[in-house]
Amino acid sequence: MTEMRLTLRLDANGTPLLGHGKIKLLEQIGRTGSISAAARAMGMSYRRAWLLVEAMNTAFTRPLVSAKPGGGGGAGLSAEGETVLRLYRQIEDAARDATRAPLETLAAMCSPPP
């Protein structure tokens, strides 16, 4: 049977806001405490990760990622970032639950993987 998964991209004001890539980046920043370490874990450049963080921080009224205090470097999720991450995962779970049966039917209609 074909494996099928649902991915979400949330847009706001006609531009991409959040998707699975940005969410994974937020999770990695939360785990590693560093934008550069998160980028390495995801196989992306620091510049790309920084641009994504900057885009997310600009898109929300409060930053999702903030520098750790104390001058030792590093970054972490703000309270807003943790909330956004939790809400995205809740939306994702609800969408997955709501679409389970039609996705199973669609998957059964697909050709088997090579």
PDB file of N, CA and C in Angstrom:
ATOM      1  N   MET A   1       0.844  -1.184   0.000  1.00  0.00           N
ATOM      2  CA  MET A   1       0.000   0.000   0.000  1.00  0.00           C
ATOM      3  C   MET A   1       0.890   1.248   0.000  1.00  0.00           C
ATOM      4  N   THR A   2       0.442   2.243  -0.669  1.00  0.00           N
ATOM      5  CA  THR A   2       1.170   3.502  -0.743  1.00  0.00           C
ATOM      6  C   THR A   2       1.128   4.215   0.603  1.00  0.00           C
ATOM      7  N   GLU A   3       2.290   4.675   1.031  1.00  0.00           N
ATOM      8  CA  GLU A   3       2.349   5.469   2.260  1.00  0.00           C
ATOM      9  C   GLU A   3       1.991   6.906   1.905  1.00  0.00           C
ATOM     10  N   MET A   4       1.093   7.477   2.667  1.00  0.00           N
ATOM     11  CA  MET A   4       0.645   8.829   2.394  1.00  0.00           C
ATOM     12  C   MET A   4       0.713   9.619   3.688  1.00  0.00           C
ATOM     13  N   ARG A   5       1.163  10.862   3.578  1.00  0.00           N
ATOM     14  CA  ARG A   5       1.184  11.719   4.755  1.00  0.00           C
ATOM     15  C   ARG A   5       0.650  13.086   4.375  1.00  0.00           C
ATOM     16  N   LEU A   6       0.066  13.724   5.334  1.00  0.00           N
ATOM     17  CA  LEU A   6      -0.501  15.055   5.165  1.00  0.00           C
ATOM     18  C   LEU A   6       0.493  16.066   5.707  1.00  0.00           C
ATOM     19  N   THR A   7       0.804  17.084   4.913  1.00  0.00           N
ATOM     20  CA  THR A   7       1.633  18.180   5.399  1.00  0.00           C
ATOM     21  C   THR A   7       0.839  19.465   5.254  1.00  0.00           C
ATOM     22  N   LEU A   8       1.089  20.378   6.153  1.00  0.00           N
ATOM     23  CA  LEU A   8       0.349  21.641   6.159  1.00  0.00           C
ATOM     24  C   LEU A   8       1.281  22.805   5.932  1.00  0.00           C
ATOM     25  N   ARG A   9       0.785  23.795   5.223  1.00  0.00           N
ATOM     26  CA  ARG A   9       1.452  25.080   5.116  1.00  0.00           C
ATOM     27  C   ARG A   9       0.412  26.130   5.443  1.00  0.00           C
ATOM     28  N   LEU A  10       0.722  26.955   6.399  1.00  0.00           N
ATOM     29  CA  LEU A  10      -0.185  28.018   6.792  1.00  0.00           C
ATOM     30  C   LEU A  10       0.299  29.322   6.172  1.00  0.00           C
ATOM     31  N   ASP A  11      -0.611  30.020   5.511  1.00  0.00           N
ATOM     32  CA  ASP A  11      -0.314  31.309   4.904  1.00  0.00           C
ATOM     33  C   ASP A  11      -1.035  32.398   5.671  1.00  0.00           C
ATOM     34  N   ALA A  12      -0.435  33.578   5.688  1.00  0.00           N
ATOM     35  CA  ALA A  12      -1.069  34.740   6.304  1.00  0.00           C
ATOM     36  C   ALA A  12      -0.827  35.940   5.399  1.00  0.00           C
ATOM     37  N   ASN A  13      -1.876  36.665   5.137  1.00  0.00           N
ATOM     38  CA  ASN A  13      -1.780  37.852   4.288  1.00  0.00           C
ATOM     39  C   ASN A  13      -1.142  37.543   2.939  1.00  0.00           C
ATOM     40  N   GLY A  14      -1.454  36.363   2.401  1.00  0.00           N
ATOM     41  CA  GLY A  14      -0.976  35.993   1.076  1.00  0.00           C
ATOM     42  C   GLY A  14       0.461  35.508   1.001  1.00  0.00           C
ATOM     43  N   THR A  15       1.117  35.316   2.133  1.00  0.00           N
ATOM     44  CA  THR A  15       2.493  34.822   2.115  1.00  0.00           C
ATOM     45  C   THR A  15       2.626  33.612   3.047  1.00  0.00           C
ATOM     46  N   PRO A  16       3.548  32.698   2.722  1.00  0.00           N
ATOM     47  CA  PRO A  16       3.751  31.531   3.586  1.00  0.00           C
ATOM     48  C   PRO A  16       4.168  31.954   4.990  1.00  0.00           C
ATOM     49  N   LEU A  17       3.506  31.379   5.982  1.00  0.00           N
ATOM     50  CA  LEU A  17       3.791  31.696   7.380  1.00  0.00           C
ATOM     51  C   LEU A  17       4.550  30.554   8.039  1.00  0.00           C
ATOM     52  N   LEU A  18       3.960  29.376   8.026  1.00  0.00           N
ATOM     53  CA  LEU A  18       4.552  28.205   8.676  1.00  0.00           C
ATOM     54  C   LEU A  18       4.295  26.968   7.834  1.00  0.00           C
ATOM     55  N   GLY A  19       5.265  26.091   7.826  1.00  0.00           N
ATOM     56  CA  GLY A  19       5.132  24.787   7.194  1.00  0.00           C
ATOM     57  C   GLY A  19       6.023  23.811   7.937  1.00  0.00           C
ATOM     58  N   HIS A  20       6.075  22.585   7.441  1.00  0.00           N
ATOM     59  CA  HIS A  20       6.816  21.570   8.193  1.00  0.00           C
ATOM     60  C   HIS A  20       8.310  21.902   8.307  1.00  0.00           C
ATOM     61  N   GLY A  21       8.903  22.584   7.331  1.00  0.00           N
ATOM     62  CA  GLY A  21      10.317  22.938   7.422  1.00  0.00           C
ATOM     63  C   GLY A  21      10.604  23.947   8.516  1.00  0.00           C
ATOM     64  N   LYS A  22       9.803  25.007   8.573  1.00  0.00           N
ATOM     65  CA  LYS A  22      10.007  26.020   9.610  1.00  0.00           C
ATOM     66  C   LYS A  22       9.719  25.443  10.991  1.00  0.00           C
ATOM     67  N   ILE A  23       8.718  24.587  11.073  1.00  0.00           N
ATOM     68  CA  ILE A  23       8.389  23.966  12.359  1.00  0.00           C
ATOM     69  C   ILE A  23       9.529  23.057  12.815  1.00  0.00           C
ATOM     70  N   LYS A  24      10.097  22.284  11.895  1.00  0.00           N
ATOM     71  CA  LYS A  24      11.233  21.427  12.263  1.00  0.00           C
ATOM     72  C   LYS A  24      12.423  22.275  12.707  1.00  0.00           C
ATOM     73  N   LEU A  25      12.623  23.416  12.051  1.00  0.00           N
ATOM     74  CA  LEU A  25      13.699  24.307  12.466  1.00  0.00           C
ATOM     75  C   LEU A  25      13.460  24.826  13.884  1.00  0.00           C
ATOM     76  N   LEU A  26      12.244  25.242  14.182  1.00  0.00           N
ATOM     77  CA  LEU A  26      11.935  25.688  15.545  1.00  0.00           C
ATOM     78  C   LEU A  26      12.192  24.570  16.552  1.00  0.00           C
ATOM     79  N   GLU A  27      11.769  23.357  16.221  1.00  0.00           N
ATOM     80  CA  GLU A  27      12.005  22.225  17.132  1.00  0.00           C
ATOM     81  C   GLU A  27      13.496  22.000  17.358  1.00  0.00           C
ATOM     82  N   GLN A  28      14.282  22.070  16.291  1.00  0.00           N
ATOM     83  CA  GLN A  28      15.728  21.863  16.424  1.00  0.00           C
ATOM     84  C   GLN A  28      16.384  22.972  17.241  1.00  0.00           C
ATOM     85  N   ILE A  29      15.939  24.204  17.053  1.00  0.00           N
ATOM     86  CA  ILE A  29      16.478  25.303  17.858  1.00  0.00           C
ATOM     87  C   ILE A  29      16.145  25.070  19.327  1.00  0.00           C
ATOM     88  N   GLY A  30      14.922  24.622  19.600  1.00  0.00           N
ATOM     89  CA  GLY A  30      14.540  24.304  20.968  1.00  0.00           C
ATOM     90  C   GLY A  30      15.381  23.191  21.559  1.00  0.00           C
ATOM     91  N   ARG A  31      15.720  22.186  20.760  1.00  0.00           N
ATOM     92  CA  ARG A  31      16.521  21.050  21.235  1.00  0.00           C
ATOM     93  C   ARG A  31      17.988  21.420  21.431  1.00  0.00           C
ATOM     94  N   THR A  32      18.529  22.158  20.447  1.00  0.00           N
ATOM     95  CA  THR A  32      19.977  22.398  20.436  1.00  0.00           C
ATOM     96  C   THR A  32      20.392  23.689  21.116  1.00  0.00           C
ATOM     97  N   GLY A  33      19.466  24.638  21.227  1.00  0.00           N
ATOM     98  CA  GLY A  33      19.809  25.930  21.810  1.00  0.00           C
ATOM     99  C   GLY A  33      20.668  26.784  20.907  1.00  0.00           C
ATOM    100  N   SER A  34      20.608  26.505  19.598  1.00  0.00           N
ATOM    101  CA  SER A  34      21.486  27.215  18.672  1.00  0.00           C
ATOM    102  C   SER A  34      20.901  27.166  17.269  1.00  0.00           C
ATOM    103  N   ILE A  35      20.938  28.305  16.582  1.00  0.00           N
ATOM    104  CA  ILE A  35      20.485  28.322  15.190  1.00  0.00           C
ATOM    105  C   ILE A  35      21.475  27.548  14.327  1.00  0.00           C
ATOM    106  N   SER A  36      22.768  27.725  14.553  1.00  0.00           N
ATOM    107  CA  SER A  36      23.751  27.024  13.721  1.00  0.00           C
ATOM    108  C   SER A  36      23.691  25.512  13.932  1.00  0.00           C
ATOM    109  N   ALA A  37      23.531  25.068  15.168  1.00  0.00           N
ATOM    110  CA  ALA A  37      23.417  23.627  15.427  1.00  0.00           C
ATOM    111  C   ALA A  37      22.132  23.068  14.823  1.00  0.00           C
ATOM    112  N   ALA A  38      21.054  23.830  14.898  1.00  0.00           N
ATOM    113  CA  ALA A  38      19.789  23.400  14.288  1.00  0.00           C
ATOM    114  C   ALA A  38      19.951  23.276  12.775  1.00  0.00           C
ATOM    115  N   ALA A  39      20.624  24.255  12.172  1.00  0.00           N
ATOM    116  CA  ALA A  39      20.856  24.216  10.718  1.00  0.00           C
ATOM    117  C   ALA A  39      21.670  22.984  10.342  1.00  0.00           C
ATOM    118  N   ARG A  40      22.745  22.722  11.087  1.00  0.00           N
ATOM    119  CA  ARG A  40      23.568  21.541  10.805  1.00  0.00           C
ATOM    120  C   ARG A  40      22.752  20.263  10.915  1.00  0.00           C
ATOM    121  N   ALA A  41      21.929  20.162  11.959  1.00  0.00           N
ATOM    122  CA  ALA A  41      21.108  18.961  12.166  1.00  0.00           C
ATOM    123  C   ALA A  41      20.138  18.739  11.007  1.00  0.00           C
ATOM    124  N   MET A  42      19.747  19.824  10.360  1.00  0.00           N
ATOM    125  CA  MET A  42      18.786  19.724   9.253  1.00  0.00           C
ATOM    126  C   MET A  42      19.466  19.702   7.889  1.00  0.00           C
ATOM    127  N   GLY A  43      20.784  19.825   7.865  1.00  0.00           N
ATOM    128  CA  GLY A  43      21.502  19.821   6.595  1.00  0.00           C
ATOM    129  C   GLY A  43      21.286  21.091   5.785  1.00  0.00           C
ATOM    130  N   MET A  44      21.117  22.211   6.457  1.00  0.00           N
ATOM    131  CA  MET A  44      20.937  23.477   5.746  1.00  0.00           C
ATOM    132  C   MET A  44      22.006  24.458   6.196  1.00  0.00           C
ATOM    133  N   SER A  45      22.223  25.473   5.394  1.00  0.00           N
ATOM    134  CA  SER A  45      23.218  26.474   5.744  1.00  0.00           C
ATOM    135  C   SER A  45      22.723  27.341   6.902  1.00  0.00           C
ATOM    136  N   TYR A  46      23.683  27.903   7.619  1.00  0.00           N
ATOM    137  CA  TYR A  46      23.326  28.819   8.692  1.00  0.00           C
ATOM    138  C   TYR A  46      22.552  30.001   8.129  1.00  0.00           C
ATOM    139  N   ARG A  47      22.989  30.504   6.988  1.00  0.00           N
ATOM    140  CA  ARG A  47      22.314  31.656   6.380  1.00  0.00           C
ATOM    141  C   ARG A  47      20.859  31.352   6.090  1.00  0.00           C
ATOM    142  N   ARG A  48      20.585  30.189   5.527  1.00  0.00           N
ATOM    143  CA  ARG A  48      19.197  29.799   5.226  1.00  0.00           C
ATOM    144  C   ARG A  48      18.383  29.728   6.516  1.00  0.00           C
ATOM    145  N   ALA A  49      18.950  29.109   7.538  1.00  0.00           N
ATOM    146  CA  ALA A  49      18.247  29.001   8.820  1.00  0.00           C
ATOM    147  C   ALA A  49      17.995  30.386   9.402  1.00  0.00           C
ATOM    148  N   TRP A  50      18.998  31.252   9.344  1.00  0.00           N
ATOM    149  CA  TRP A  50      18.845  32.597   9.887  1.00  0.00           C
ATOM    150  C   TRP A  50      17.755  33.358   9.136  1.00  0.00           C
ATOM    151  N   LEU A  51      17.716  33.231   7.810  1.00  0.00           N
ATOM    152  CA  LEU A  51      16.682  33.913   7.026  1.00  0.00           C
ATOM    153  C   LEU A  51      15.285  33.406   7.388  1.00  0.00           C
ATOM    154  N   LEU A  52      15.152  32.104   7.619  1.00  0.00           N
ATOM    155  CA  LEU A  52      13.856  31.541   8.022  1.00  0.00           C
ATOM    156  C   LEU A  52      13.455  32.051   9.400  1.00  0.00           C
ATOM    157  N   VAL A  53      14.406  32.096  10.327  1.00  0.00           N
ATOM    158  CA  VAL A  53      14.127  32.613  11.670  1.00  0.00           C
ATOM    159  C   VAL A  53      13.714  34.080  11.585  1.00  0.00           C
ATOM    160  N   GLU A  54      14.447  34.844  10.806  1.00  0.00           N
ATOM    161  CA  GLU A  54      14.132  36.263  10.642  1.00  0.00           C
ATOM    162  C   GLU A  54      12.730  36.453  10.061  1.00  0.00           C
ATOM    163  N   ALA A  55      12.372  35.631   9.068  1.00  0.00           N
ATOM    164  CA  ALA A  55      11.037  35.711   8.464  1.00  0.00           C
ATOM    165  C   ALA A  55       9.950  35.390   9.489  1.00  0.00           C
ATOM    166  N   MET A  56      10.183  34.348  10.299  1.00  0.00           N
ATOM    167  CA  MET A  56       9.191  34.001  11.316  1.00  0.00           C
ATOM    168  C   MET A  56       9.097  35.083  12.385  1.00  0.00           C
ATOM    169  N   ASN A  57      10.239  35.590  12.824  1.00  0.00           N
ATOM    170  CA  ASN A  57      10.223  36.636  13.856  1.00  0.00           C
ATOM    171  C   ASN A  57       9.502  37.892  13.371  1.00  0.00           C
ATOM    172  N   THR A  58       9.633  38.189  12.093  1.00  0.00           N
ATOM    173  CA  THR A  58       8.989  39.367  11.521  1.00  0.00           C
ATOM    174  C   THR A  58       7.489  39.146  11.318  1.00  0.00           C
ATOM    175  N   ALA A  59       7.106  37.928  11.021  1.00  0.00           N
ATOM    176  CA  ALA A  59       5.706  37.623  10.707  1.00  0.00           C
ATOM    177  C   ALA A  59       4.797  37.635  11.932  1.00  0.00           C
ATOM    178  N   PHE A  60       5.375  37.494  13.112  1.00  0.00           N
ATOM    179  CA  PHE A  60       4.585  37.461  14.342  1.00  0.00           C
ATOM    180  C   PHE A  60       4.812  38.744  15.138  1.00  0.00           C
ATOM    181  N   THR A  61       3.869  39.053  16.007  1.00  0.00           N
ATOM    182  CA  THR A  61       3.979  40.286  16.790  1.00  0.00           C
ATOM    183  C   THR A  61       5.123  40.235  17.794  1.00  0.00           C
ATOM    184  N   ARG A  62       5.507  39.039  18.208  1.00  0.00           N
ATOM    185  CA  ARG A  62       6.648  38.850  19.104  1.00  0.00           C
ATOM    186  C   ARG A  62       7.570  37.807  18.475  1.00  0.00           C
ATOM    187  N   PRO A  63       8.863  37.915  18.686  1.00  0.00           N
ATOM    188  CA  PRO A  63       9.803  36.945  18.104  1.00  0.00           C
ATOM    189  C   PRO A  63       9.531  35.522  18.593  1.00  0.00           C
ATOM    190  N   LEU A  64       9.708  34.559  17.698  1.00  0.00           N
ATOM    191  CA  LEU A  64       9.577  33.148  18.062  1.00  0.00           C
ATOM    192  C   LEU A  64      10.899  32.587  18.570  1.00  0.00           C
ATOM    193  N   VAL A  65      11.993  33.159  18.078  1.00  0.00           N
ATOM    194  CA  VAL A  65      13.339  32.744  18.460  1.00  0.00           C
ATOM    195  C   VAL A  65      14.044  33.968  19.012  1.00  0.00           C
ATOM    196  N   SER A  66      14.720  33.794  20.131  1.00  0.00           N
ATOM    197  CA  SER A  66      15.441  34.917  20.722  1.00  0.00           C
ATOM    198  C   SER A  66      16.822  34.460  21.156  1.00  0.00           C
ATOM    199  N   ALA A  67      17.734  35.431  21.204  1.00  0.00           N
ATOM    200  CA  ALA A  67      19.085  35.151  21.682  1.00  0.00           C
ATOM    201  C   ALA A  67      19.027  34.834  23.158  1.00  0.00           C
ATOM    202  N   LYS A  68      19.874  33.907  23.580  1.00  0.00           N
ATOM    203  CA  LYS A  68      19.949  33.587  25.008  1.00  0.00           C
ATOM    204  C   LYS A  68      20.669  34.716  25.731  1.00  0.00           C
ATOM    205  N   PRO A  69      20.152  35.115  26.874  1.00  0.00           N
ATOM    206  CA  PRO A  69      20.803  36.186  27.623  1.00  0.00           C
ATOM    207  C   PRO A  69      22.143  35.732  28.199  1.00  0.00           C
ATOM    208  N   GLY A  70      23.012  36.710  28.459  1.00  0.00           N
ATOM    209  CA  GLY A  70      24.269  36.387  29.112  1.00  0.00           C
ATOM    210  C   GLY A  70      25.482  36.514  28.215  1.00  0.00           C
ATOM    211  N   GLY A  71      25.284  36.778  26.934  1.00  0.00           N
ATOM    212  CA  GLY A  71      26.413  37.004  26.045  1.00  0.00           C
ATOM    213  C   GLY A  71      27.175  35.762  25.642  1.00  0.00           C
ATOM    214  N   GLY A  72      26.727  34.577  26.031  1.00  0.00           N
ATOM    215  CA  GLY A  72      27.427  33.348  25.672  1.00  0.00           C
ATOM    216  C   GLY A  72      27.018  32.784  24.338  1.00  0.00           C
ATOM    217  N   GLY A  73      26.183  33.486  23.615  1.00  0.00           N
ATOM    218  CA  GLY A  73      25.722  32.989  22.329  1.00  0.00           C
ATOM    219  C   GLY A  73      24.573  32.025  22.488  1.00  0.00           C
ATOM    220  N   GLY A  74      24.128  31.541  21.392  1.00  0.00           N
ATOM    221  CA  GLY A  74      23.034  30.599  21.393  1.00  0.00           C
ATOM    222  C   GLY A  74      21.702  31.280  21.207  1.00  0.00           C
ATOM    223  N   ALA A  75      20.696  30.476  21.025  1.00  0.00           N
ATOM    224  CA  ALA A  75      19.339  30.966  20.806  1.00  0.00           C
ATOM    225  C   ALA A  75      18.363  29.954  21.367  1.00  0.00           C
ATOM    226  N   GLY A  76      17.170  30.392  21.572  1.00  0.00           N
ATOM    227  CA  GLY A  76      16.136  29.495  22.068  1.00  0.00           C
ATOM    228  C   GLY A  76      14.776  29.976  21.634  1.00  0.00           C
ATOM    229  N   LEU A  77      13.794  29.163  21.889  1.00  0.00           N
ATOM    230  CA  LEU A  77      12.430  29.553  21.575  1.00  0.00           C
ATOM    231  C   LEU A  77      11.910  30.473  22.670  1.00  0.00           C
ATOM    232  N   SER A  78      11.260  31.522  22.244  1.00  0.00           N
ATOM    233  CA  SER A  78      10.578  32.392  23.208  1.00  0.00           C
ATOM    234  C   SER A  78       9.301  31.691  23.645  1.00  0.00           C
ATOM    235  N   ALA A  79       8.627  32.256  24.620  1.00  0.00           N
ATOM    236  CA  ALA A  79       7.331  31.712  25.026  1.00  0.00           C
ATOM    237  C   ALA A  79       6.379  31.709  23.835  1.00  0.00           C
ATOM    238  N   GLU A  80       6.444  32.755  23.031  1.00  0.00           N
ATOM    239  CA  GLU A  80       5.614  32.833  21.819  1.00  0.00           C
ATOM    240  C   GLU A  80       5.965  31.707  20.852  1.00  0.00           C
ATOM    241  N   GLY A  81       7.262  31.444  20.697  1.00  0.00           N
ATOM    242  CA  GLY A  81       7.708  30.371  19.812  1.00  0.00           C
ATOM    243  C   GLY A  81       7.216  29.008  20.278  1.00  0.00           C
ATOM    244  N   GLU A  82       7.272  28.763  21.568  1.00  0.00           N
ATOM    245  CA  GLU A  82       6.772  27.493  22.112  1.00  0.00           C
ATOM    246  C   GLU A  82       5.270  27.363  21.883  1.00  0.00           C
ATOM    247  N   THR A  83       4.546  28.458  22.035  1.00  0.00           N
ATOM    248  CA  THR A  83       3.095  28.441  21.814  1.00  0.00           C
ATOM    249  C   THR A  83       2.775  28.183  20.348  1.00  0.00           C
ATOM    250  N   VAL A  84       3.478  28.862  19.448  1.00  0.00           N
ATOM    251  CA  VAL A  84       3.246  28.669  18.007  1.00  0.00           C
ATOM    252  C   VAL A  84       3.527  27.223  17.628  1.00  0.00           C
ATOM    253  N   LEU A  85       4.605  26.667  18.124  1.00  0.00           N
ATOM    254  CA  LEU A  85       4.957  25.274  17.843  1.00  0.00           C
ATOM    255  C   LEU A  85       3.862  24.325  18.328  1.00  0.00           C
ATOM    256  N   ARG A  86       3.384  24.539  19.538  1.00  0.00           N
ATOM    257  CA  ARG A  86       2.322  23.692  20.099  1.00  0.00           C
ATOM    258  C   ARG A  86       1.031  23.816  19.284  1.00  0.00           C
ATOM    259  N   LEU A  87       0.660  25.041  18.922  1.00  0.00           N
ATOM    260  CA  LEU A  87      -0.574  25.253  18.154  1.00  0.00           C
ATOM    261  C   LEU A  87      -0.485  24.635  16.759  1.00  0.00           C
ATOM    262  N   TYR A  88       0.658  24.763  16.114  1.00  0.00           N
ATOM    263  CA  TYR A  88       0.834  24.151  14.799  1.00  0.00           C
ATOM    264  C   TYR A  88       0.655  22.639  14.894  1.00  0.00           C
ATOM    265  N   ARG A  89       1.270  22.019  15.882  1.00  0.00           N
ATOM    266  CA  ARG A  89       1.147  20.562  16.056  1.00  0.00           C
ATOM    267  C   ARG A  89      -0.305  20.169  16.365  1.00  0.00           C
ATOM    268  N   GLN A  90      -1.032  20.993  17.112  1.00  0.00           N
ATOM    269  CA  GLN A  90      -2.451  20.713  17.370  1.00  0.00           C
ATOM    270  C   GLN A  90      -3.258  20.779  16.068  1.00  0.00           C
ATOM    271  N   ILE A  91      -3.000  21.784  15.253  1.00  0.00           N
ATOM    272  CA  ILE A  91      -3.694  21.912  13.965  1.00  0.00           C
ATOM    273  C   ILE A  91      -3.365  20.717  13.081  1.00  0.00           C
ATOM    274  N   GLU A  92      -2.111  20.334  13.061  1.00  0.00           N
ATOM    275  CA  GLU A  92      -1.671  19.195  12.267  1.00  0.00           C
ATOM    276  C   GLU A  92      -2.365  17.905  12.713  1.00  0.00           C
ATOM    277  N   ASP A  93      -2.434  17.679  14.021  1.00  0.00           N
ATOM    278  CA  ASP A  93      -3.099  16.479  14.544  1.00  0.00           C
ATOM    279  C   ASP A  93      -4.584  16.477  14.182  1.00  0.00           C
ATOM    280  N   ALA A  94      -5.240  17.625  14.323  1.00  0.00           N
ATOM    281  CA  ALA A  94      -6.667  17.713  14.000  1.00  0.00           C
ATOM    282  C   ALA A  94      -6.906  17.469  12.510  1.00  0.00           C
ATOM    283  N   ALA A  95      -6.054  18.018  11.675  1.00  0.00           N
ATOM    284  CA  ALA A  95      -6.199  17.816  10.225  1.00  0.00           C
ATOM    285  C   ALA A  95      -5.968  16.353   9.863  1.00  0.00           C
ATOM    286  N   ARG A  96      -4.973  15.734  10.482  1.00  0.00           N
ATOM    287  CA  ARG A  96      -4.688  14.316  10.220  1.00  0.00           C
ATOM    288  C   ARG A  96      -5.878  13.450  10.634  1.00  0.00           C
ATOM    289  N   ASP A  97      -6.442  13.725  11.800  1.00  0.00           N
ATOM    290  CA  ASP A  97      -7.601  12.961  12.263  1.00  0.00           C
ATOM    291  C   ASP A  97      -8.797  13.149  11.336  1.00  0.00           C
ATOM    292  N   ALA A  98      -9.016  14.380  10.891  1.00  0.00           N
ATOM    293  CA  ALA A  98     -10.176  14.682  10.049  1.00  0.00           C
ATOM    294  C   ALA A  98     -10.051  14.092   8.650  1.00  0.00           C
ATOM    295  N   THR A  99      -8.833  13.843   8.190  1.00  0.00           N
ATOM    296  CA  THR A  99      -8.647  13.365   6.815  1.00  0.00           C
ATOM    297  C   THR A  99      -8.196  11.912   6.720  1.00  0.00           C
ATOM    298  N   ARG A 100      -8.144  11.218   7.839  1.00  0.00           N
ATOM    299  CA  ARG A 100      -7.618   9.845   7.850  1.00  0.00           C
ATOM    300  C   ARG A 100      -8.330   8.931   6.842  1.00  0.00           C
ATOM    301  N   ALA A 101      -9.647   8.855   6.873  1.00  0.00           N
ATOM    302  CA  ALA A 101     -10.379   7.940   5.986  1.00  0.00           C
ATOM    303  C   ALA A 101     -10.201   8.306   4.509  1.00  0.00           C
ATOM    304  N   PRO A 102     -10.384   9.576   4.119  1.00  0.00           N
ATOM    305  CA  PRO A 102     -10.178   9.887   2.700  1.00  0.00           C
ATOM    306  C   PRO A 102      -8.737   9.655   2.237  1.00  0.00           C
ATOM    307  N   LEU A 103      -7.763   9.907   3.100  1.00  0.00           N
ATOM    308  CA  LEU A 103      -6.374   9.649   2.726  1.00  0.00           C
ATOM    309  C   LEU A 103      -6.112   8.164   2.542  1.00  0.00           C
ATOM    310  N   GLU A 104      -6.703   7.337   3.399  1.00  0.00           N
ATOM    311  CA  GLU A 104      -6.547   5.882   3.248  1.00  0.00           C
ATOM    312  C   GLU A 104      -7.158   5.414   1.933  1.00  0.00           C
ATOM    313  N   THR A 105      -8.325   5.954   1.580  1.00  0.00           N
ATOM    314  CA  THR A 105      -8.960   5.602   0.311  1.00  0.00           C
ATOM    315  C   THR A 105      -8.097   6.046  -0.855  1.00  0.00           C
ATOM    316  N   LEU A 106      -7.587   7.256  -0.795  1.00  0.00           N
ATOM    317  CA  LEU A 106      -6.728   7.779  -1.856  1.00  0.00           C
ATOM    318  C   LEU A 106      -5.447   6.960  -1.978  1.00  0.00           C
ATOM    319  N   ALA A 107      -4.856   6.610  -0.857  1.00  0.00           N
ATOM    320  CA  ALA A 107      -3.629   5.801  -0.868  1.00  0.00           C
ATOM    321  C   ALA A 107      -3.874   4.447  -1.518  1.00  0.00           C
ATOM    322  N   ALA A 108      -5.041   3.855  -1.251  1.00  0.00           N
ATOM    323  CA  ALA A 108      -5.375   2.552  -1.843  1.00  0.00           C
ATOM    324  C   ALA A 108      -5.555   2.655  -3.359  1.00  0.00           C
ATOM    325  N   MET A 109      -5.850   3.835  -3.842  1.00  0.00           N
ATOM    326  CA  MET A 109      -6.054   4.042  -5.284  1.00  0.00           C
ATOM    327  C   MET A 109      -4.739   4.284  -6.034  1.00  0.00           C
ATOM    328  N   CYS A 110      -3.641   4.512  -5.296  1.00  0.00           N
ATOM    329  CA  CYS A 110      -2.353   4.811  -5.918  1.00  0.00           C
ATOM    330  C   CYS A 110      -1.642   3.543  -6.340  1.00  0.00           C
ATOM    331  N   SER A 111      -0.802   3.672  -7.351  1.00  0.00           N
ATOM    332  CA  SER A 111       0.028   2.550  -7.766  1.00  0.00           C
ATOM    333  C   SER A 111       0.989   2.201  -6.632  1.00  0.00           C
ATOM    334  N   PRO A 112       1.368   0.932  -6.545  1.00  0.00           N
ATOM    335  CA  PRO A 112       2.314   0.552  -5.483  1.00  0.00           C
ATOM    336  C   PRO A 112       3.677   1.203  -5.736  1.00  0.00           C
ATOM    337  N   PRO A 113       4.429   1.418  -4.667  1.00  0.00           N
ATOM    338  CA  PRO A 113       5.769   2.012  -4.845  1.00  0.00           C
ATOM    339  C   PRO A 113       6.670   1.067  -5.620  1.00  0.00           C
ATOM    340  N   PRO A 114       7.636   1.618  -6.350  1.00  0.00           N
ATOM    341  CA  PRO A 114       8.541   0.760  -7.148  1.00  0.00           C
ATOM    342  C   PRO A 114       9.411  -0.130  -6.285  1.00  0.00           C
TER     343      PRO A 114
END
